[in-house]
Amino acid sequence: MLYRRLVRGYEALLYRSEAMIHVAMIDLMTREPTPTWGDA
């Protein structure tokens, strides 16, 4: 939900859309892993 704006075409300039994608991916890669059912 943090990066919901990436779903729509709100950004008029391509480099802004690309920057938002980079920010979202950095955030995903730096988070702690979520435990799954197999880890229990």
C-alpha atoms as a PDB file:
ATOM      1  CA  MET A   1       0.000   0.000   0.000  1.00  0.00           C
ATOM      2  CA  LEU A   2       2.958   2.346   0.456  1.00  0.00           C
ATOM      3  CA  TYR A   3       3.635   2.449  -3.269  1.00  0.00           C
ATOM      4  CA  ARG A   4       0.105   2.191  -4.598  1.00  0.00           C
ATOM      5  CA  ARG A   5       0.717   5.167  -6.880  1.00  0.00           C
ATOM      6  CA  LEU A   6       2.891   2.900  -9.026  1.00  0.00           C
ATOM      7  CA  VAL A   7      -0.256   1.023 -10.112  1.00  0.00           C
ATOM      8  CA  ARG A   8      -1.697   4.064 -11.841  1.00  0.00           C
ATOM      9  CA  GLY A   9      -0.132   6.310 -14.458  1.00  0.00           C
ATOM     10  CA  TYR A  10       0.031   9.430 -12.272  1.00  0.00           C
ATOM     11  CA  GLU A  11       3.557  10.517 -13.104  1.00  0.00           C
ATOM     12  CA  ALA A  12       3.851  12.671 -16.203  1.00  0.00           C
ATOM     13  CA  LEU A  13       7.616  12.304 -16.483  1.00  0.00           C
ATOM     14  CA  LEU A  14       9.233   8.936 -17.054  1.00  0.00           C
ATOM     15  CA  TYR A  15      12.245   9.599 -14.810  1.00  0.00           C
ATOM     16  CA  ARG A  16       9.927  10.205 -11.836  1.00  0.00           C
ATOM     17  CA  SER A  17       8.200   6.870 -12.374  1.00  0.00           C
ATOM     18  CA  GLU A  18      11.569   5.173 -12.623  1.00  0.00           C
ATOM     19  CA  ALA A  19      12.741   6.857  -9.406  1.00  0.00           C
ATOM     20  CA  MET A  20       9.621   5.694  -7.549  1.00  0.00           C
ATOM     21  CA  ILE A  21      10.203   2.122  -8.719  1.00  0.00           C
ATOM     22  CA  HIS A  22      13.803   2.284  -7.465  1.00  0.00           C
ATOM     23  CA  VAL A  23      12.667   3.605  -4.081  1.00  0.00           C
ATOM     24  CA  ALA A  24      10.063   0.853  -3.779  1.00  0.00           C
ATOM     25  CA  MET A  25      12.576  -1.868  -4.658  1.00  0.00           C
ATOM     26  CA  ILE A  26      15.178  -0.523  -2.215  1.00  0.00           C
ATOM     27  CA  ASP A  27      12.542  -0.546   0.511  1.00  0.00           C
ATOM     28  CA  LEU A  28      11.570  -4.146  -0.292  1.00  0.00           C
ATOM     29  CA  MET A  29      15.191  -5.326  -0.322  1.00  0.00           C
ATOM     30  CA  THR A  30      16.100  -3.688   2.990  1.00  0.00           C
ATOM     31  CA  ARG A  31      13.190  -5.047   5.040  1.00  0.00           C
ATOM     32  CA  GLU A  32      13.514  -7.972   7.422  1.00  0.00           C
ATOM     33  CA  PRO A  33      12.297 -11.206   5.850  1.00  0.00           C
ATOM     34  CA  THR A  34       8.778 -12.214   6.773  1.00  0.00           C
ATOM     35  CA  PRO A  35       8.544 -15.667   8.375  1.00  0.00           C
ATOM     36  CA  THR A  36       6.700 -18.227   6.290  1.00  0.00           C
ATOM     37  CA  TRP A  37       4.872 -21.402   7.262  1.00  0.00           C
ATOM     38  CA  GLY A  38       7.876 -23.491   6.256  1.00  0.00           C
ATOM     39  CA  ASP A  39      10.159 -21.655   8.703  1.00  0.00           C
ATOM     40  CA  ALA A  40       8.183 -22.729  11.781  1.00  0.00           C
END
